[in-house]
Amino acid sequence: MTEKTNLPKVVTVFGGSGFVGRHVVRALAQRGYRVRVAVRRPDLAFHLQPLGDIGQITAIQANLRHRWSIERAVEGADAVINLVGLLFESGRQSFAAVHEFGSRAVAETCANAGVPLVHMSAIGADPKSSAEYARTKARAEAAVLDTLGDKAVILRPSIVFGPEDGFFNKFADMARYSPALPLIGGGTMKFQPVYVGDVAEAFARAVDGEIEGGKVYELGGPEVLTFRECLEEILEITERKRILLNTPWWLARIQARILGLLPKPLLTIDQLEMLKSDNVVSDDAANEDRTLAGIGIRPTTLDAILPSYLWRYRVTGQYRNTVTPSETGDAA
């Protein structure tokens, strides 16, 4: 039997069907990798197939709470990416189970298999944070580095924007119906929005071996904006006039307790705690070139991308607004 050689390398991507995941899968496929997408529901990952050639992208079942499924997903892979993360807890999908136990299990499996790992964390990961999300993210980072050392690369993006994002789309959609948008805590907290395409490119370069391992890289865009400025940008692009309503922390906490009871919470107490800290690239990361620019990627501006998908929230869609404010319902 003739043995096939020089086959493209296999990259297993845990959580590859989500917002960031689909862009990472595309970047890997464009480089010629065979991509094994490990997700809890492979039947909901068919949208990834057009991102590569026939047979190049395969979805398999895996759950970070089950070590045996991790081992099966990693078997035969040349590199692994872990993108799995929770914004809120639901049932057995807890921060401790997914962020902490799951990340450690992936790292230990990679160590046993002798393959490198690229792990997605988040700016704000801190073992001393008041938010459980941030604490478990920090413990996950420590577990990955302790287990794999320089065979691991950790990428911490700030708030990620792109066509399917859950931040700019959420508030643009809210502005379609609500006469006011909430400025939680006065809207002074700072973000450094980073384009999902730049984040995906960083992951692909890490798999290529172009990024030094054993380090934590912080990915932010070229602009630092306050929460207020983010909402103002949304309103300008969507051509809507809305009141920016100051929401003190105590009131936001009451709202979070109520909204956190929804099946898919709009705001939780834990997320509210995260909003009390700026979400920007640290001075240490910038000085040590552990940033997008430091790895040779020029960050994409908001103005270059946001209008390309927020136009759908305008009254007139992609066309020029020729109606009066009263016709748009923006007189309020």
Protein backbone atom coordinates (compact mmCIF):
# COMPACT_ATOMS: atom_id res chain seq x y z
CA MET A 1 0.00 0.00 0.00
CA THR A 2 1.33 3.41 -0.96
CA GLU A 3 1.63 5.72 2.04
CA LYS A 4 0.46 9.27 1.49
CA THR A 5 2.92 11.93 2.59
CA ASN A 6 3.07 15.73 2.71
CA LEU A 7 -0.58 16.03 3.66
CA PRO A 8 -1.59 19.47 4.96
CA LYS A 9 -1.28 19.84 8.72
CA VAL A 10 -4.34 19.37 10.91
CA VAL A 11 -5.40 22.10 13.34
CA THR A 12 -8.05 21.35 15.95
CA VAL A 13 -10.10 24.41 16.88
CA PHE A 14 -12.19 24.11 20.04
CA GLY A 15 -15.14 26.49 19.85
CA GLY A 16 -14.59 27.16 16.16
CA SER A 17 -18.25 27.71 15.26
CA GLY A 18 -18.67 30.98 17.17
CA PHE A 19 -18.13 34.59 16.18
CA VAL A 20 -14.33 34.63 16.49
CA GLY A 21 -14.12 30.96 15.56
CA ARG A 22 -15.53 31.27 12.06
CA HIS A 23 -12.95 33.93 11.21
CA VAL A 24 -10.12 31.84 12.68
CA VAL A 25 -11.29 28.82 10.67
CA ARG A 26 -11.33 30.93 7.50
CA ALA A 27 -7.80 32.24 8.13
CA LEU A 28 -6.50 28.71 8.69
CA ALA A 29 -8.28 27.33 5.63
CA GLN A 30 -6.84 30.07 3.45
CA ARG A 31 -3.38 28.94 4.55
CA GLY A 32 -4.12 25.38 3.46
CA TYR A 33 -4.52 23.74 6.87
CA ARG A 34 -7.04 20.97 7.40
CA VAL A 35 -9.31 22.25 10.14
CA ARG A 36 -11.01 20.05 12.71
CA VAL A 37 -13.68 22.11 14.46
CA ALA A 38 -14.46 20.68 17.90
CA VAL A 39 -17.85 21.87 19.18
CA ARG A 40 -20.69 20.64 21.39
CA ARG A 41 -23.18 20.73 18.49
CA PRO A 42 -21.54 19.77 15.16
CA ASP A 43 -24.99 19.86 13.54
CA LEU A 44 -25.00 23.62 14.10
CA ALA A 45 -21.60 24.17 12.44
CA PHE A 46 -22.50 23.60 8.78
CA HIS A 47 -22.05 27.31 8.09
CA LEU A 48 -18.27 26.72 8.26
CA GLN A 49 -18.13 24.41 5.23
CA PRO A 50 -18.05 27.18 2.55
CA LEU A 51 -14.98 28.72 4.25
CA GLY A 52 -12.69 26.04 2.78
CA ASP A 53 -12.38 23.47 0.03
CA ILE A 54 -14.41 20.25 -0.01
CA GLY A 55 -13.33 18.11 2.94
CA GLN A 56 -10.94 20.72 4.32
CA ILE A 57 -13.14 21.65 7.30
CA THR A 58 -14.68 18.96 9.51
CA ALA A 59 -16.85 19.45 12.59
CA ILE A 60 -16.66 16.90 15.40
CA GLN A 61 -18.33 16.66 18.80
CA ALA A 62 -16.38 17.71 21.88
CA ASN A 63 -17.14 19.18 25.29
CA LEU A 64 -14.46 20.71 27.50
CA ARG A 65 -16.17 19.21 30.55
CA HIS A 66 -15.39 15.71 29.20
CA ARG A 67 -11.69 14.95 28.99
CA TRP A 68 -12.17 11.89 26.77
CA SER A 69 -13.79 14.06 24.07
CA ILE A 70 -10.86 16.47 24.25
CA GLU A 71 -8.38 13.64 23.77
CA ARG A 72 -10.31 12.35 20.76
CA ALA A 73 -10.40 15.84 19.20
CA VAL A 74 -6.65 16.41 19.67
CA GLU A 75 -5.55 12.97 18.44
CA GLY A 76 -3.54 13.31 15.23
CA ALA A 77 -3.55 17.12 15.26
CA ASP A 78 -0.43 19.17 14.56
CA ALA A 79 -1.65 22.20 16.52
CA VAL A 80 -4.59 23.15 18.72
CA ILE A 81 -6.55 26.37 19.26
CA ASN A 82 -8.89 26.86 22.21
CA LEU A 83 -11.48 29.60 21.69
CA VAL A 84 -14.09 28.33 24.15
CA GLY A 85 -15.40 30.88 26.61
CA LEU A 86 -18.59 31.83 28.42
CA LEU A 87 -20.15 35.26 28.81
CA PHE A 88 -22.61 33.91 31.37
CA GLU A 89 -23.14 30.65 33.22
CA SER A 90 -25.93 28.24 32.37
CA GLY A 91 -26.53 24.92 34.06
CA ARG A 92 -23.40 22.76 34.00
CA GLN A 93 -21.69 25.28 31.73
CA SER A 94 -20.04 27.23 34.55
CA PHE A 95 -16.99 29.49 34.44
CA ALA A 96 -15.05 27.05 36.62
CA ALA A 97 -15.97 24.04 34.49
CA VAL A 98 -15.32 25.59 31.09
CA HIS A 99 -12.67 28.26 31.62
CA GLU A 100 -10.66 26.58 34.35
CA PHE A 101 -11.13 22.80 34.18
CA GLY A 102 -11.64 22.78 30.41
CA SER A 103 -8.60 24.90 29.60
CA ARG A 104 -6.38 22.84 31.88
CA ALA A 105 -7.67 19.63 30.29
CA VAL A 106 -6.94 20.93 26.79
CA ALA A 107 -3.43 22.03 27.83
CA GLU A 108 -2.65 18.69 29.48
CA THR A 109 -3.93 16.79 26.45
CA CYS A 110 -1.75 18.91 24.16
CA ALA A 111 1.25 18.29 26.43
CA ASN A 112 0.67 14.52 26.30
CA ALA A 113 0.30 14.65 22.51
CA GLY A 114 3.32 16.93 22.06
CA VAL A 115 1.45 19.62 20.11
CA PRO A 116 1.41 23.41 20.63
CA LEU A 117 -1.63 25.32 21.86
CA VAL A 118 -2.93 28.81 21.09
CA HIS A 119 -5.33 29.85 23.83
CA MET A 120 -7.81 32.72 23.75
CA SER A 121 -8.21 34.65 26.99
CA ALA A 122 -9.40 38.23 27.43
CA ILE A 123 -8.04 41.59 28.49
CA GLY A 124 -9.13 41.98 32.07
CA ALA A 125 -8.19 38.45 33.14
CA ASP A 126 -7.11 38.89 36.75
CA PRO A 127 -7.00 36.40 39.65
CA LYS A 128 -7.95 39.25 42.03
CA SER A 129 -10.89 40.57 40.02
CA SER A 130 -14.33 40.90 41.59
CA ALA A 131 -15.76 39.15 38.50
CA GLU A 132 -15.73 35.34 38.38
CA TYR A 133 -15.29 35.52 34.59
CA ALA A 134 -12.00 37.39 34.95
CA ARG A 135 -10.73 35.20 37.80
CA THR A 136 -11.35 31.94 35.95
CA LYS A 137 -9.81 33.35 32.77
CA ALA A 138 -6.67 34.22 34.74
CA ARG A 139 -6.50 30.77 36.34
CA ALA A 140 -6.90 29.23 32.89
CA GLU A 141 -3.94 31.26 31.60
CA ALA A 142 -1.79 30.09 34.51
CA ALA A 143 -2.76 26.45 33.92
CA VAL A 144 -1.90 26.67 30.21
CA LEU A 145 1.50 28.28 30.79
CA ASP A 146 2.37 25.97 33.69
CA THR A 147 1.52 22.93 31.59
CA LEU A 148 2.98 23.86 28.20
CA GLY A 149 5.50 26.66 28.79
CA ASP A 150 6.84 28.02 25.51
CA LYS A 151 4.65 25.63 23.50
CA ALA A 152 1.68 27.83 24.37
CA VAL A 153 0.66 31.25 23.09
CA ILE A 154 -2.05 33.18 24.92
CA LEU A 155 -3.96 35.91 23.12
CA ARG A 156 -6.05 38.42 25.07
CA PRO A 157 -8.31 40.52 22.83
CA SER A 158 -10.20 43.58 23.98
CA ILE A 159 -13.84 43.86 22.88
CA VAL A 160 -13.99 42.28 19.39
CA PHE A 161 -15.99 43.89 16.59
CA GLY A 162 -17.09 42.52 13.25
CA PRO A 163 -20.26 41.63 11.28
CA GLU A 164 -21.53 39.11 13.85
CA ASP A 165 -20.34 40.83 17.04
CA GLY A 166 -22.44 40.94 20.19
CA PHE A 167 -21.63 44.49 21.25
CA PHE A 168 -22.09 47.01 18.45
CA ASN A 169 -24.93 44.97 16.92
CA LYS A 170 -26.69 44.72 20.28
CA PHE A 171 -26.78 48.47 20.92
CA ALA A 172 -27.54 49.32 17.29
CA ASP A 173 -30.52 46.97 17.46
CA MET A 174 -31.59 48.47 20.79
CA ALA A 175 -31.54 51.94 19.21
CA ARG A 176 -34.13 50.81 16.67
CA TYR A 177 -36.80 50.55 19.37
CA SER A 178 -35.65 52.38 22.49
CA PRO A 179 -35.71 56.17 22.82
CA ALA A 180 -32.67 55.98 25.11
CA LEU A 181 -29.47 53.96 25.48
CA PRO A 182 -27.98 53.27 28.93
CA LEU A 183 -24.70 54.83 29.96
CA ILE A 184 -23.76 52.40 32.72
CA GLY A 185 -21.68 54.14 35.37
CA GLY A 186 -21.72 57.30 33.29
CA GLY A 187 -20.14 55.57 30.29
CA THR A 188 -16.57 56.47 31.27
CA MET A 189 -15.06 52.97 31.10
CA LYS A 190 -12.61 52.59 28.21
CA PHE A 191 -12.46 49.97 25.46
CA GLN A 192 -9.96 49.31 22.69
CA PRO A 193 -12.12 47.56 20.08
CA VAL A 194 -10.20 45.12 17.90
CA TYR A 195 -11.33 43.82 14.50
CA VAL A 196 -12.15 40.11 14.42
CA GLY A 197 -10.15 39.69 11.20
CA ASP A 198 -7.02 40.96 12.96
CA VAL A 199 -7.63 38.60 15.88
CA ALA A 200 -8.04 35.67 13.49
CA GLU A 201 -4.82 36.60 11.71
CA ALA A 202 -2.99 36.61 15.05
CA PHE A 203 -4.21 33.07 15.78
CA ALA A 204 -3.17 31.88 12.33
CA ARG A 205 0.30 33.39 12.71
CA ALA A 206 0.67 31.68 16.06
CA VAL A 207 -0.15 28.34 14.42
CA ASP A 208 2.37 29.18 11.69
CA GLY A 209 5.00 29.49 14.43
CA GLU A 210 5.57 33.20 13.83
CA ILE A 211 4.74 34.25 17.42
CA GLU A 212 7.05 33.51 20.34
CA GLY A 213 5.54 31.07 22.81
CA GLY A 214 5.32 31.21 26.58
CA LYS A 215 3.89 34.74 26.52
CA VAL A 216 0.58 36.57 26.87
CA TYR A 217 -0.26 38.96 24.03
CA GLU A 218 -2.88 41.71 24.35
CA LEU A 219 -4.81 42.57 21.19
CA GLY A 220 -6.40 45.98 20.87
CA GLY A 221 -7.33 48.22 17.99
CA PRO A 222 -5.77 51.58 17.11
CA GLU A 223 -8.38 53.60 19.05
CA VAL A 224 -9.31 53.81 22.72
CA LEU A 225 -12.93 54.87 23.21
CA THR A 226 -15.15 55.34 26.23
CA PHE A 227 -18.45 53.49 26.41
CA ARG A 228 -20.18 56.80 25.63
CA GLU A 229 -18.04 57.30 22.52
CA CYS A 230 -18.86 53.77 21.34
CA LEU A 231 -22.59 54.50 21.58
CA GLU A 232 -22.13 57.85 19.84
CA GLU A 233 -20.31 56.07 17.00
CA ILE A 234 -23.19 53.62 16.66
CA LEU A 235 -25.79 56.40 16.54
CA GLU A 236 -23.82 58.35 13.97
CA ILE A 237 -23.48 55.37 11.63
CA THR A 238 -27.09 54.26 12.03
CA GLU A 239 -28.30 57.86 11.58
CA ARG A 240 -30.44 57.79 14.71
CA LYS A 241 -30.90 60.29 17.52
CA ARG A 242 -31.24 58.74 20.93
CA ILE A 243 -30.87 59.95 24.51
CA LEU A 244 -27.78 58.64 26.26
CA LEU A 245 -29.16 58.05 29.72
CA ASN A 246 -26.78 58.00 32.67
CA THR A 247 -27.35 54.80 34.66
CA PRO A 248 -25.66 54.81 38.09
CA TRP A 249 -24.04 51.60 39.28
CA TRP A 250 -26.69 50.90 41.91
CA LEU A 251 -29.47 51.07 39.33
CA ALA A 252 -27.50 49.03 36.83
CA ARG A 253 -27.05 46.39 39.52
CA ILE A 254 -30.81 46.12 40.01
CA GLN A 255 -31.28 45.85 36.25
CA ALA A 256 -28.58 43.17 36.03
CA ARG A 257 -30.32 41.08 38.69
CA ILE A 258 -33.52 41.17 36.65
CA LEU A 259 -31.97 40.78 33.19
CA GLY A 260 -29.73 38.00 34.50
CA LEU A 261 -32.81 35.81 34.99
CA LEU A 262 -33.47 35.64 31.24
CA PRO A 263 -32.56 32.40 29.39
CA LYS A 264 -29.99 34.45 27.46
CA PRO A 265 -29.16 37.31 29.88
CA LEU A 266 -28.74 40.80 28.45
CA LEU A 267 -26.67 41.80 31.49
CA THR A 268 -25.43 39.90 34.55
CA ILE A 269 -23.89 40.98 37.85
CA ASP A 270 -20.59 39.45 36.76
CA GLN A 271 -20.59 41.39 33.48
CA LEU A 272 -21.38 44.55 35.44
CA GLU A 273 -18.30 43.96 37.61
CA MET A 274 -16.18 43.64 34.45
CA LEU A 275 -17.44 47.03 33.26
CA LYS A 276 -15.92 48.71 36.30
CA SER A 277 -12.43 48.30 34.81
CA ASP A 278 -11.00 49.67 31.56
CA ASN A 279 -10.58 47.08 28.82
CA VAL A 280 -7.42 48.32 27.08
CA VAL A 281 -3.95 47.05 26.26
CA SER A 282 -1.63 47.43 29.25
CA ASP A 283 1.50 49.57 29.19
CA ASP A 284 3.63 46.49 29.89
CA ALA A 285 2.26 44.68 26.83
CA ALA A 286 2.77 47.74 24.64
CA ASN A 287 6.34 48.34 25.87
CA GLU A 288 7.26 44.68 25.35
CA ASP A 289 5.67 44.48 21.87
CA ARG A 290 3.14 41.89 23.02
CA THR A 291 0.48 43.53 20.83
CA LEU A 292 -0.89 43.31 17.30
CA ALA A 293 1.69 45.79 16.08
CA GLY A 294 4.39 43.86 17.91
CA ILE A 295 3.60 40.72 15.90
CA GLY A 296 3.44 42.62 12.63
CA ILE A 297 -0.31 43.19 12.24
CA ARG A 298 -1.55 46.70 11.56
CA PRO A 299 -4.80 47.11 13.58
CA THR A 300 -7.92 47.94 11.56
CA THR A 301 -9.88 51.06 12.51
CA LEU A 302 -13.54 51.07 13.52
CA ASP A 303 -14.42 53.50 10.74
CA ALA A 304 -13.14 51.04 8.15
CA ILE A 305 -15.48 48.24 9.26
CA LEU A 306 -18.47 49.39 11.35
CA PRO A 307 -20.39 51.11 8.48
CA SER A 308 -20.10 47.91 6.42
CA TYR A 309 -22.52 46.08 8.71
CA LEU A 310 -24.27 48.63 10.93
CA TRP A 311 -25.97 50.19 7.88
CA ARG A 312 -28.69 47.55 8.23
CA TYR A 313 -29.92 49.32 11.38
CA ARG A 314 -30.63 52.55 9.54
CA VAL A 315 -34.22 53.37 8.66
CA THR A 316 -33.21 53.54 5.01
CA GLY A 317 -30.75 50.66 5.16
CA GLN A 318 -27.87 50.98 2.73
CA TYR A 319 -29.44 53.94 0.94
CA ARG A 320 -29.02 57.61 1.61
CA ASN A 321 -31.38 59.01 4.23
CA THR A 322 -33.81 61.33 2.43
CA VAL A 323 -36.61 61.29 5.02
CA THR A 324 -37.18 63.69 7.88
CA PRO A 325 -36.32 62.92 11.54
CA SER A 326 -40.00 62.65 12.42
CA GLU A 327 -40.44 59.96 9.77
CA THR A 328 -37.60 57.91 11.28
CA GLY A 329 -39.09 58.07 14.76
CA ASP A 330 -35.95 59.86 15.95
CA ALA A 331 -37.69 63.06 17.04
CA ALA A 332 -37.53 61.69 20.59
